[in-house]
Amino acid sequence: MAEEKKMIGKVTHYFGKISVAGISLSDTLKVGDIISIEGATTAFQEEITSMQIDQKTVEQAGAGDLIGIKVKDKVRVGDSVYIVS
């Protein structure tokens, strides 16, 4: 069965020194979810192991939240974030 992807946000910032992406969410995201970050030169999947809102660790975030997550590869502002199921 093909994996399904649903867009849940956009990359708004990338902090290269610490490999953290700032993502503006349009849907719910939880620790343990698998996301796919895709853009013109970006394409990788990663499991959410932790995320933060305003430097506070959270287990779940929802639409309208601006989260920070550690990423294994460079992302770019405007890249789309999908949840993979």
PDB file of N, CA and C in Angstrom:
ATOM      1  N   MET A   1       0.848  -1.195   0.000  1.00  0.00           N
ATOM      2  CA  MET A   1       0.000   0.000   0.000  1.00  0.00           C
ATOM      3  C   MET A   1       0.890   1.254   0.000  1.00  0.00           C
ATOM      4  N   ALA A   2       0.558   2.166  -0.849  1.00  0.00           N
ATOM      5  CA  ALA A   2       1.348   3.404  -0.931  1.00  0.00           C
ATOM      6  C   ALA A   2       1.119   4.244   0.320  1.00  0.00           C
ATOM      7  N   GLU A   3       2.180   4.920   0.735  1.00  0.00           N
ATOM      8  CA  GLU A   3       2.027   5.761   1.920  1.00  0.00           C
ATOM      9  C   GLU A   3       1.229   7.000   1.551  1.00  0.00           C
ATOM     10  N   GLU A   4       0.467   7.457   2.509  1.00  0.00           N
ATOM     11  CA  GLU A   4      -0.334   8.659   2.289  1.00  0.00           C
ATOM     12  C   GLU A   4       0.337   9.830   2.958  1.00  0.00           C
ATOM     13  N   LYS A   5       0.266  10.968   2.288  1.00  0.00           N
ATOM     14  CA  LYS A   5       0.862  12.181   2.847  1.00  0.00           C
ATOM     15  C   LYS A   5      -0.204  13.259   2.932  1.00  0.00           C
ATOM     16  N   LYS A   6      -0.139  13.992   4.015  1.00  0.00           N
ATOM     17  CA  LYS A   6      -1.075  15.097   4.211  1.00  0.00           C
ATOM     18  C   LYS A   6      -0.262  16.315   4.632  1.00  0.00           C
ATOM     19  N   MET A   7      -0.460  17.420   3.941  1.00  0.00           N
ATOM     20  CA  MET A   7       0.314  18.611   4.270  1.00  0.00           C
ATOM     21  C   MET A   7      -0.125  19.160   5.626  1.00  0.00           C
ATOM     22  N   ILE A   8       0.870  19.416   6.484  1.00  0.00           N
ATOM     23  CA  ILE A   8       0.536  19.912   7.825  1.00  0.00           C
ATOM     24  C   ILE A   8       1.273  21.197   8.175  1.00  0.00           C
ATOM     25  N   GLY A   9       2.086  21.720   7.244  1.00  0.00           N
ATOM     26  CA  GLY A   9       2.762  22.962   7.593  1.00  0.00           C
ATOM     27  C   GLY A   9       3.812  23.383   6.590  1.00  0.00           C
ATOM     28  N   LYS A  10       4.446  24.505   6.902  1.00  0.00           N
ATOM     29  CA  LYS A  10       5.495  25.083   6.057  1.00  0.00           C
ATOM     30  C   LYS A  10       6.688  25.462   6.930  1.00  0.00           C
ATOM     31  N   VAL A  11       7.874  25.310   6.373  1.00  0.00           N
ATOM     32  CA  VAL A  11       9.084  25.751   7.059  1.00  0.00           C
ATOM     33  C   VAL A  11       9.127  27.282   7.018  1.00  0.00           C
ATOM     34  N   THR A  12       9.301  27.902   8.182  1.00  0.00           N
ATOM     35  CA  THR A  12       9.367  29.366   8.252  1.00  0.00           C
ATOM     36  C   THR A  12      10.767  29.868   8.598  1.00  0.00           C
ATOM     37  N   HIS A  13      11.571  29.015   9.223  1.00  0.00           N
ATOM     38  CA  HIS A  13      12.942  29.377   9.584  1.00  0.00           C
ATOM     39  C   HIS A  13      13.817  28.139   9.507  1.00  0.00           C
ATOM     40  N   TYR A  14      15.122  28.356   9.331  1.00  0.00           N
ATOM     41  CA  TYR A  14      16.076  27.260   9.467  1.00  0.00           C
ATOM     42  C   TYR A  14      17.299  27.800  10.184  1.00  0.00           C
ATOM     43  N   PHE A  15      17.637  27.150  11.285  1.00  0.00           N
ATOM     44  CA  PHE A  15      18.781  27.549  12.097  1.00  0.00           C
ATOM     45  C   PHE A  15      19.899  26.556  11.821  1.00  0.00           C
ATOM     46  N   GLY A  16      20.791  26.902  10.901  1.00  0.00           N
ATOM     47  CA  GLY A  16      21.801  25.979  10.410  1.00  0.00           C
ATOM     48  C   GLY A  16      22.776  25.492  11.464  1.00  0.00           C
ATOM     49  N   LYS A  17      23.193  26.376  12.364  1.00  0.00           N
ATOM     50  CA  LYS A  17      24.193  25.979  13.366  1.00  0.00           C
ATOM     51  C   LYS A  17      23.702  24.855  14.262  1.00  0.00           C
ATOM     52  N   ILE A  18      22.389  24.855  14.532  1.00  0.00           N
ATOM     53  CA  ILE A  18      21.844  23.841  15.450  1.00  0.00           C
ATOM     54  C   ILE A  18      20.916  22.860  14.730  1.00  0.00           C
ATOM     55  N   SER A  19      20.813  22.976  13.393  1.00  0.00           N
ATOM     56  CA  SER A  19      19.973  22.074  12.586  1.00  0.00           C
ATOM     57  C   SER A  19      18.542  22.006  13.098  1.00  0.00           C
ATOM     58  N   VAL A  20      17.943  23.163  13.299  1.00  0.00           N
ATOM     59  CA  VAL A  20      16.560  23.214  13.762  1.00  0.00           C
ATOM     60  C   VAL A  20      15.709  23.926  12.723  1.00  0.00           C
ATOM     61  N   ALA A  21      14.561  23.331  12.422  1.00  0.00           N
ATOM     62  CA  ALA A  21      13.605  23.945  11.506  1.00  0.00           C
ATOM     63  C   ALA A  21      12.466  24.553  12.307  1.00  0.00           C
ATOM     64  N   GLY A  22      12.096  25.765  11.944  1.00  0.00           N
ATOM     65  CA  GLY A  22      10.887  26.386  12.484  1.00  0.00           C
ATOM     66  C   GLY A  22       9.769  26.090  11.516  1.00  0.00           C
ATOM     67  N   ILE A  23       8.681  25.528  12.021  1.00  0.00           N
ATOM     68  CA  ILE A  23       7.569  25.116  11.158  1.00  0.00           C
ATOM     69  C   ILE A  23       6.267  25.702  11.673  1.00  0.00           C
ATOM     70  N   SER A  24       5.538  26.343  10.776  1.00  0.00           N
ATOM     71  CA  SER A  24       4.207  26.858  11.085  1.00  0.00           C
ATOM     72  C   SER A  24       3.209  25.764  10.722  1.00  0.00           C
ATOM     73  N   LEU A  25       2.453  25.286  11.722  1.00  0.00           N
ATOM     74  CA  LEU A  25       1.558  24.147  11.507  1.00  0.00           C
ATOM     75  C   LEU A  25       0.166  24.569  11.057  1.00  0.00           C
ATOM     76  N   SER A  26      -0.409  23.760  10.180  1.00  0.00           N
ATOM     77  CA  SER A  26      -1.805  23.940   9.780  1.00  0.00           C
ATOM     78  C   SER A  26      -2.654  22.762  10.249  1.00  0.00           C
ATOM     79  N   ASP A  27      -2.017  21.826  10.984  1.00  0.00           N
ATOM     80  CA  ASP A  27      -2.718  20.641  11.495  1.00  0.00           C
ATOM     81  C   ASP A  27      -1.937  20.105  12.693  1.00  0.00           C
ATOM     82  N   THR A  28      -2.435  19.039  13.300  1.00  0.00           N
ATOM     83  CA  THR A  28      -1.827  18.490  14.507  1.00  0.00           C
ATOM     84  C   THR A  28      -0.594  17.647  14.188  1.00  0.00           C
ATOM     85  N   LEU A  29       0.410  17.764  15.047  1.00  0.00           N
ATOM     86  CA  LEU A  29       1.626  16.965  14.937  1.00  0.00           C
ATOM     87  C   LEU A  29       2.003  16.488  16.333  1.00  0.00           C
ATOM     88  N   LYS A  30       2.407  15.195  16.436  1.00  0.00           N
ATOM     89  CA  LYS A  30       2.770  14.626  17.729  1.00  0.00           C
ATOM     90  C   LYS A  30       4.166  14.027  17.666  1.00  0.00           C
ATOM     91  N   VAL A  31       4.809  13.935  18.816  1.00  0.00           N
ATOM     92  CA  VAL A  31       6.072  13.204  18.913  1.00  0.00           C
ATOM     93  C   VAL A  31       5.795  11.763  18.501  1.00  0.00           C
ATOM     94  N   GLY A  32       6.663  11.206  17.666  1.00  0.00           N
ATOM     95  CA  GLY A  32       6.470   9.847  17.153  1.00  0.00           C
ATOM     96  C   GLY A  32       5.942   9.824  15.729  1.00  0.00           C
ATOM     97  N   ASP A  33       5.359  10.942  15.273  1.00  0.00           N
ATOM     98  CA  ASP A  33       4.878  11.014  13.894  1.00  0.00           C
ATOM     99  C   ASP A  33       6.063  11.022  12.932  1.00  0.00           C
ATOM    100  N   ILE A  34       5.826  10.508  11.734  1.00  0.00           N
ATOM    101  CA  ILE A  34       6.831  10.567  10.662  1.00  0.00           C
ATOM    102  C   ILE A  34       6.424  11.717   9.740  1.00  0.00           C
ATOM    103  N   ILE A  35       7.378  12.603   9.473  1.00  0.00           N
ATOM    104  CA  ILE A  35       7.094  13.699   8.556  1.00  0.00           C
ATOM    105  C   ILE A  35       7.986  13.600   7.332  1.00  0.00           C
ATOM    106  N   SER A  36       7.539  14.217   6.269  1.00  0.00           N
ATOM    107  CA  SER A  36       8.321  14.351   5.054  1.00  0.00           C
ATOM    108  C   SER A  36       8.445  15.842   4.778  1.00  0.00           C
ATOM    109  N   ILE A  37       9.673  16.309   4.589  1.00  0.00           N
ATOM    110  CA  ILE A  37       9.894  17.720   4.265  1.00  0.00           C
ATOM    111  C   ILE A  37      10.323  17.773   2.808  1.00  0.00           C
ATOM    112  N   GLU A  38       9.578  18.548   2.021  1.00  0.00           N
ATOM    113  CA  GLU A  38       9.791  18.555   0.578  1.00  0.00           C
ATOM    114  C   GLU A  38       9.808  19.974   0.035  1.00  0.00           C
ATOM    115  N   GLY A  39      10.736  20.191  -0.886  1.00  0.00           N
ATOM    116  CA  GLY A  39      10.831  21.486  -1.544  1.00  0.00           C
ATOM    117  C   GLY A  39      11.614  21.327  -2.829  1.00  0.00           C
ATOM    118  N   ALA A  40      12.036  22.449  -3.417  1.00  0.00           N
ATOM    119  CA  ALA A  40      12.761  22.417  -4.689  1.00  0.00           C
ATOM    120  C   ALA A  40      14.010  21.550  -4.598  1.00  0.00           C
ATOM    121  N   THR A  41      14.735  21.635  -3.479  1.00  0.00           N
ATOM    122  CA  THR A  41      15.965  20.860  -3.325  1.00  0.00           C
ATOM    123  C   THR A  41      15.967  20.077  -2.015  1.00  0.00           C
ATOM    124  N   THR A  42      14.812  19.924  -1.409  1.00  0.00           N
ATOM    125  CA  THR A  42      14.691  19.221  -0.124  1.00  0.00           C
ATOM    126  C   THR A  42      13.769  18.026  -0.309  1.00  0.00           C
ATOM    127  N   ALA A  43      14.166  16.887   0.234  1.00  0.00           N
ATOM    128  CA  ALA A  43      13.297  15.704   0.190  1.00  0.00           C
ATOM    129  C   ALA A  43      13.840  14.657   1.155  1.00  0.00           C
ATOM    130  N   PHE A  44      13.260  14.601   2.367  1.00  0.00           N
ATOM    131  CA  PHE A  44      13.636  13.536   3.296  1.00  0.00           C
ATOM    132  C   PHE A  44      12.525  13.327   4.308  1.00  0.00           C
ATOM    133  N   GLN A  45      12.557  12.150   4.916  1.00  0.00           N
ATOM    134  CA  GLN A  45      11.581  11.821   5.953  1.00  0.00           C
ATOM    135  C   GLN A  45      12.303  11.682   7.281  1.00  0.00           C
ATOM    136  N   GLU A  46      11.583  11.969   8.326  1.00  0.00           N
ATOM    137  CA  GLU A  46      12.181  11.927   9.649  1.00  0.00           C
ATOM    138  C   GLU A  46      11.090  11.694  10.693  1.00  0.00           C
ATOM    139  N   GLU A  47      11.454  10.968  11.752  1.00  0.00           N
ATOM    140  CA  GLU A  47      10.521  10.791  12.868  1.00  0.00           C
ATOM    141  C   GLU A  47      10.695  11.957  13.827  1.00  0.00           C
ATOM    142  N   ILE A  48       9.580  12.461  14.343  1.00  0.00           N
ATOM    143  CA  ILE A  48       9.632  13.529  15.338  1.00  0.00           C
ATOM    144  C   ILE A  48      10.001  12.905  16.679  1.00  0.00           C
ATOM    145  N   THR A  49      11.186  13.246  17.191  1.00  0.00           N
ATOM    146  CA  THR A  49      11.595  12.710  18.485  1.00  0.00           C
ATOM    147  C   THR A  49      11.376  13.738  19.588  1.00  0.00           C
ATOM    148  N   SER A  50      11.361  15.013  19.217  1.00  0.00           N
ATOM    149  CA  SER A  50      11.002  16.057  20.177  1.00  0.00           C
ATOM    150  C   SER A  50      10.673  17.322  19.414  1.00  0.00           C
ATOM    151  N   MET A  51       9.871  18.164  20.024  1.00  0.00           N
ATOM    152  CA  MET A  51       9.571  19.463  19.416  1.00  0.00           C
ATOM    153  C   MET A  51       9.339  20.476  20.522  1.00  0.00           C
ATOM    154  N   GLN A  52       9.506  21.724  20.150  1.00  0.00           N
ATOM    155  CA  GLN A  52       9.383  22.791  21.129  1.00  0.00           C
ATOM    156  C   GLN A  52       8.506  23.916  20.609  1.00  0.00           C
ATOM    157  N   ILE A  53       7.849  24.563  21.537  1.00  0.00           N
ATOM    158  CA  ILE A  53       7.142  25.818  21.262  1.00  0.00           C
ATOM    159  C   ILE A  53       7.692  26.817  22.272  1.00  0.00           C
ATOM    160  N   ASP A  54       8.236  27.926  21.788  1.00  0.00           N
ATOM    161  CA  ASP A  54       8.832  28.945  22.671  1.00  0.00           C
ATOM    162  C   ASP A  54       9.826  28.329  23.655  1.00  0.00           C
ATOM    163  N   GLN A  55      10.724  27.493  23.176  1.00  0.00           N
ATOM    164  CA  GLN A  55      11.767  26.831  23.973  1.00  0.00           C
ATOM    165  C   GLN A  55      11.227  25.887  25.047  1.00  0.00           C
ATOM    166  N   LYS A  56       9.946  25.542  24.981  1.00  0.00           N
ATOM    167  CA  LYS A  56       9.389  24.572  25.922  1.00  0.00           C
ATOM    168  C   LYS A  56       9.075  23.294  25.158  1.00  0.00           C
ATOM    169  N   THR A  57       9.534  22.158  25.676  1.00  0.00           N
ATOM    170  CA  THR A  57       9.282  20.879  25.017  1.00  0.00           C
ATOM    171  C   THR A  57       7.810  20.512  25.149  1.00  0.00           C
ATOM    172  N   VAL A  58       7.208  20.101  24.017  1.00  0.00           N
ATOM    173  CA  VAL A  58       5.801  19.687  23.996  1.00  0.00           C
ATOM    174  C   VAL A  58       5.700  18.325  23.314  1.00  0.00           C
ATOM    175  N   GLU A  59       4.645  17.591  23.646  1.00  0.00           N
ATOM    176  CA  GLU A  59       4.404  16.282  23.041  1.00  0.00           C
ATOM    177  C   GLU A  59       3.553  16.403  21.780  1.00  0.00           C
ATOM    178  N   GLN A  60       2.777  17.489  21.709  1.00  0.00           N
ATOM    179  CA  GLN A  60       1.843  17.656  20.598  1.00  0.00           C
ATOM    180  C   GLN A  60       1.654  19.136  20.338  1.00  0.00           C
ATOM    181  N   ALA A  61       1.449  19.476  19.072  1.00  0.00           N
ATOM    182  CA  ALA A  61       1.176  20.866  18.690  1.00  0.00           C
ATOM    183  C   ALA A  61       0.069  20.839  17.642  1.00  0.00           C
ATOM    184  N   GLY A  62      -0.594  21.966  17.470  1.00  0.00           N
ATOM    185  CA  GLY A  62      -1.729  21.989  16.552  1.00  0.00           C
ATOM    186  C   GLY A  62      -1.682  23.150  15.579  1.00  0.00           C
ATOM    187  N   ALA A  63      -2.741  23.268  14.803  1.00  0.00           N
ATOM    188  CA  ALA A  63      -2.841  24.314  13.788  1.00  0.00           C
ATOM    189  C   ALA A  63      -2.599  25.681  14.415  1.00  0.00           C
ATOM    190  N   GLY A  64      -1.787  26.482  13.761  1.00  0.00           N
ATOM    191  CA  GLY A  64      -1.502  27.823  14.254  1.00  0.00           C
ATOM    192  C   GLY A  64      -0.262  27.892  15.123  1.00  0.00           C
ATOM    193  N   ASP A  65       0.236  26.725  15.585  1.00  0.00           N
ATOM    194  CA  ASP A  65       1.440  26.720  16.421  1.00  0.00           C
ATOM    195  C   ASP A  65       2.686  26.857  15.553  1.00  0.00           C
ATOM    196  N   LEU A  66       3.678  27.513  16.111  1.00  0.00           N
ATOM    197  CA  LEU A  66       4.992  27.613  15.476  1.00  0.00           C
ATOM    198  C   LEU A  66       5.927  26.741  16.301  1.00  0.00           C
ATOM    199  N   ILE A  67       6.397  25.657  15.700  1.00  0.00           N
ATOM    200  CA  ILE A  67       7.218  24.694  16.442  1.00  0.00           C
ATOM    201  C   ILE A  67       8.656  24.707  15.930  1.00  0.00           C
ATOM    202  N   GLY A  68       9.551  24.215  16.768  1.00  0.00           N
ATOM    203  CA  GLY A  68      10.927  23.990  16.369  1.00  0.00           C
ATOM    204  C   GLY A  68      11.224  22.513  16.500  1.00  0.00           C
ATOM    205  N   ILE A  69      11.813  21.929  15.448  1.00  0.00           N
ATOM    206  CA  ILE A  69      12.222  20.521  15.520  1.00  0.00           C
ATOM    207  C   ILE A  69      13.643  20.386  14.980  1.00  0.00           C
ATOM    208  N   LYS A  70      14.353  19.417  15.539  1.00  0.00           N
ATOM    209  CA  LYS A  70      15.695  19.093  15.059  1.00  0.00           C
ATOM    210  C   LYS A  70      15.525  18.330  13.746  1.00  0.00           C
ATOM    211  N   VAL A  71      16.311  18.700  12.740  1.00  0.00           N
ATOM    212  CA  VAL A  71      16.239  17.994  11.459  1.00  0.00           C
ATOM    213  C   VAL A  71      17.621  17.464  11.080  1.00  0.00           C
ATOM    214  N   LYS A  72      17.621  16.360  10.322  1.00  0.00           N
ATOM    215  CA  LYS A  72      18.888  15.707   9.980  1.00  0.00           C
ATOM    216  C   LYS A  72      19.532  16.304   8.745  1.00  0.00           C
ATOM    217  N   ASP A  73      18.802  17.143   8.028  1.00  0.00           N
ATOM    218  CA  ASP A  73      19.298  17.697   6.782  1.00  0.00           C
ATOM    219  C   ASP A  73      18.853  19.150   6.679  1.00  0.00           C
ATOM    220  N   LYS A  74      19.474  19.885   5.759  1.00  0.00           N
ATOM    221  CA  LYS A  74      19.122  21.296   5.596  1.00  0.00           C
ATOM    222  C   LYS A  74      17.725  21.425   4.996  1.00  0.00           C
ATOM    223  N   VAL A  75      16.951  22.339   5.537  1.00  0.00           N
ATOM    224  CA  VAL A  75      15.647  22.659   4.963  1.00  0.00           C
ATOM    225  C   VAL A  75      15.659  24.136   4.576  1.00  0.00           C
ATOM    226  N   ARG A  76      14.685  24.523   3.778  1.00  0.00           N
ATOM    227  CA  ARG A  76      14.626  25.899   3.309  1.00  0.00           C
ATOM    228  C   ARG A  76      13.267  26.509   3.615  1.00  0.00           C
ATOM    229  N   VAL A  77      13.269  27.806   3.842  1.00  0.00           N
ATOM    230  CA  VAL A  77      12.017  28.525   4.092  1.00  0.00           C
ATOM    231  C   VAL A  77      11.086  28.288   2.910  1.00  0.00           C
ATOM    232  N   GLY A  78       9.854  27.918   3.219  1.00  0.00           N
ATOM    233  CA  GLY A  78       8.869  27.657   2.169  1.00  0.00           C
ATOM    234  C   GLY A  78       8.713  26.189   1.851  1.00  0.00           C
ATOM    235  N   ASP A  79       9.643  25.317   2.327  1.00  0.00           N
ATOM    236  CA  ASP A  79       9.479  23.885   2.124  1.00  0.00           C
ATOM    237  C   ASP A  79       8.175  23.431   2.775  1.00  0.00           C
ATOM    238  N   SER A  80       7.531  22.465   2.143  1.00  0.00           N
ATOM    239  CA  SER A  80       6.284  21.913   2.674  1.00  0.00           C
ATOM    240  C   SER A  80       6.570  20.749   3.616  1.00  0.00           C
ATOM    241  N   VAL A  81       5.756  20.657   4.664  1.00  0.00           N
ATOM    242  CA  VAL A  81       5.902  19.576   5.649  1.00  0.00           C
ATOM    243  C   VAL A  81       4.629  18.726   5.584  1.00  0.00           C
ATOM    244  N   TYR A  82       4.844  17.426   5.398  1.00  0.00           N
ATOM    245  CA  TYR A  82       3.736  16.477   5.301  1.00  0.00           C
ATOM    246  C   TYR A  82       3.855  15.462   6.423  1.00  0.00           C
ATOM    247  N   ILE A  83       2.694  14.976   6.868  1.00  0.00           N
ATOM    248  CA  ILE A  83       2.695  13.841   7.797  1.00  0.00           C
ATOM    249  C   ILE A  83       2.506  12.595   6.939  1.00  0.00           C
ATOM    250  N   VAL A  84       3.268  11.558   7.232  1.00  0.00           N
ATOM    251  CA  VAL A  84       3.234  10.334   6.445  1.00  0.00           C
ATOM    252  C   VAL A  84       2.513   9.270   7.248  1.00  0.00           C
ATOM    253  N   SER A  85       1.546   8.606   6.608  1.00  0.00           N
ATOM    254  CA  SER A  85       0.836   7.534   7.335  1.00  0.00           C
ATOM    255  C   SER A  85       0.805   6.265   6.514  1.00  0.00           C
TER     256      SER A  85
END
